[in-house]
Amino acid sequence: MNSGGFLPSTSTATIGKAFNEKTQQIFSKILKARKADSLNDDSEEALQRKLTALQHEERALLSLISRLRSHQRTLQLEKACLDKFYEESIKKEMFGTEEDKRGMNNEYF
């Protein structure tokens, strides 16, 4: 964590943009695989192409799932940091800081 209490410099918007670009690439590969799958030729070669296309689609979908999980973890970490920051801000507003408390005690004694 940096001194501000938030995650390092990569912003959610930057991560989201990169994620969207990668997602588009993956779906483009899936569309190509499905076009290959639309062949009606039952020859061994055509079936092999269909199998290869389905394997590519499976890898693309697994990659997408992995990226979604990673993005979800990043968002959860950011949320936890923001929740902690918010909670600390509320406590400071309601009860003051430790420094404020020490100052108040010194005034009375």
Protein backbone atom coordinates (compact mmCIF):
# COMPACT_ATOMS: atom_id res chain seq x y z
CA MET A 1 0.00 0.00 0.00
CA ASN A 2 1.19 3.50 -0.65
CA SER A 3 1.06 6.34 1.85
CA GLY A 4 -2.47 7.32 0.82
CA GLY A 5 -3.84 3.97 1.92
CA PHE A 6 -4.97 3.02 -1.55
CA LEU A 7 -3.70 0.47 -4.02
CA PRO A 8 -0.72 1.25 -6.27
CA SER A 9 -0.92 3.60 -9.22
CA THR A 10 -2.89 1.41 -11.65
CA SER A 11 -6.38 2.88 -11.62
CA THR A 12 -9.57 0.91 -11.93
CA ALA A 13 -10.32 2.73 -15.19
CA THR A 14 -6.98 1.67 -16.67
CA ILE A 15 -7.49 -1.92 -15.56
CA GLY A 16 -11.04 -1.85 -16.93
CA LYS A 17 -9.91 -0.51 -20.30
CA ALA A 18 -7.20 -3.17 -20.65
CA PHE A 19 -9.68 -5.81 -19.54
CA ASN A 20 -12.23 -4.69 -22.15
CA GLU A 21 -9.63 -4.74 -24.93
CA LYS A 22 -8.49 -8.24 -23.98
CA THR A 23 -12.11 -9.39 -23.74
CA GLN A 24 -12.77 -8.12 -27.27
CA GLN A 25 -9.74 -10.03 -28.54
CA ILE A 26 -10.93 -13.20 -26.85
CA PHE A 27 -14.43 -12.91 -28.29
CA SER A 28 -12.95 -12.25 -31.72
CA LYS A 29 -11.07 -15.56 -31.42
CA ILE A 30 -14.27 -17.28 -30.31
CA LEU A 31 -16.14 -15.95 -33.36
CA LYS A 32 -13.39 -17.24 -35.65
CA ALA A 33 -13.58 -20.62 -33.94
CA ARG A 34 -17.34 -20.75 -34.36
CA LYS A 35 -17.05 -19.90 -38.07
CA ALA A 36 -14.73 -22.86 -38.45
CA ASP A 37 -17.26 -24.94 -36.52
CA SER A 38 -20.01 -24.06 -38.99
CA LEU A 39 -18.50 -26.28 -41.66
CA ASN A 40 -20.81 -29.12 -42.59
CA ASP A 41 -18.02 -31.31 -43.89
CA ASP A 42 -17.78 -34.52 -41.88
CA SER A 43 -14.34 -35.45 -43.15
CA GLU A 44 -11.65 -36.22 -40.60
CA GLU A 45 -9.85 -33.00 -41.52
CA ALA A 46 -12.97 -30.90 -40.96
CA LEU A 47 -13.68 -32.62 -37.65
CA GLN A 48 -10.09 -31.97 -36.59
CA ARG A 49 -10.50 -28.27 -37.45
CA LYS A 50 -13.72 -28.17 -35.44
CA LEU A 51 -12.01 -29.82 -32.48
CA THR A 52 -9.12 -27.37 -32.68
CA ALA A 53 -11.55 -24.44 -32.87
CA LEU A 54 -13.43 -25.71 -29.82
CA GLN A 55 -10.16 -26.10 -27.92
CA HIS A 56 -9.27 -22.50 -28.78
CA GLU A 57 -12.69 -21.39 -27.61
CA GLU A 58 -12.28 -23.28 -24.35
CA ARG A 59 -8.86 -21.69 -23.72
CA ALA A 60 -10.26 -18.25 -24.52
CA LEU A 61 -13.14 -18.73 -22.11
CA LEU A 62 -10.84 -20.02 -19.36
CA SER A 63 -8.60 -17.01 -19.91
CA LEU A 64 -11.61 -14.72 -19.65
CA ILE A 65 -12.72 -16.38 -16.41
CA SER A 66 -9.22 -15.97 -15.00
CA ARG A 67 -9.15 -12.30 -15.92
CA LEU A 68 -12.60 -11.76 -14.41
CA ARG A 69 -11.48 -13.34 -11.14
CA SER A 70 -8.33 -11.23 -11.10
CA HIS A 71 -10.32 -8.08 -11.78
CA GLN A 72 -12.80 -9.06 -9.06
CA ARG A 73 -9.96 -9.51 -6.53
CA THR A 74 -8.55 -6.10 -7.46
CA LEU A 75 -11.94 -4.49 -6.95
CA GLN A 76 -12.40 -6.28 -3.62
CA LEU A 77 -9.01 -5.01 -2.41
CA GLU A 78 -9.84 -1.47 -3.50
CA LYS A 79 -13.20 -1.69 -1.76
CA ALA A 80 -11.58 -2.93 1.46
CA CYS A 81 -9.10 -0.03 1.37
CA LEU A 82 -11.86 2.48 0.73
CA ASP A 83 -14.03 0.99 3.50
CA LYS A 84 -11.12 1.22 5.95
CA PHE A 85 -10.37 4.79 4.89
CA TYR A 86 -14.05 5.73 5.25
CA GLU A 87 -14.28 4.08 8.68
CA GLU A 88 -11.13 5.87 9.88
CA SER A 89 -12.43 9.18 8.54
CA ILE A 90 -15.73 8.75 10.40
CA LYS A 91 -13.89 7.85 13.62
CA LYS A 92 -11.66 10.91 13.30
CA GLU A 93 -14.66 13.12 12.67
CA MET A 94 -16.62 11.70 15.60
CA PHE A 95 -13.88 11.17 18.16
CA GLY A 96 -10.93 13.20 16.93
CA THR A 97 -7.43 11.88 16.50
CA GLU A 98 -5.15 10.52 19.22
CA GLU A 99 -3.27 13.80 19.01
CA ASP A 100 -6.49 15.73 19.68
CA LYS A 101 -7.23 13.51 22.69
CA ARG A 102 -3.75 14.05 24.14
CA GLY A 103 -4.14 17.78 23.67
CA MET A 104 -7.48 17.75 25.48
CA ASN A 105 -6.05 15.77 28.40
CA ASN A 106 -3.15 18.20 28.79
CA GLU A 107 -5.53 21.15 28.90
CA TYR A 108 -7.40 19.73 31.89
CA PHE A 109 -4.34 18.76 33.96
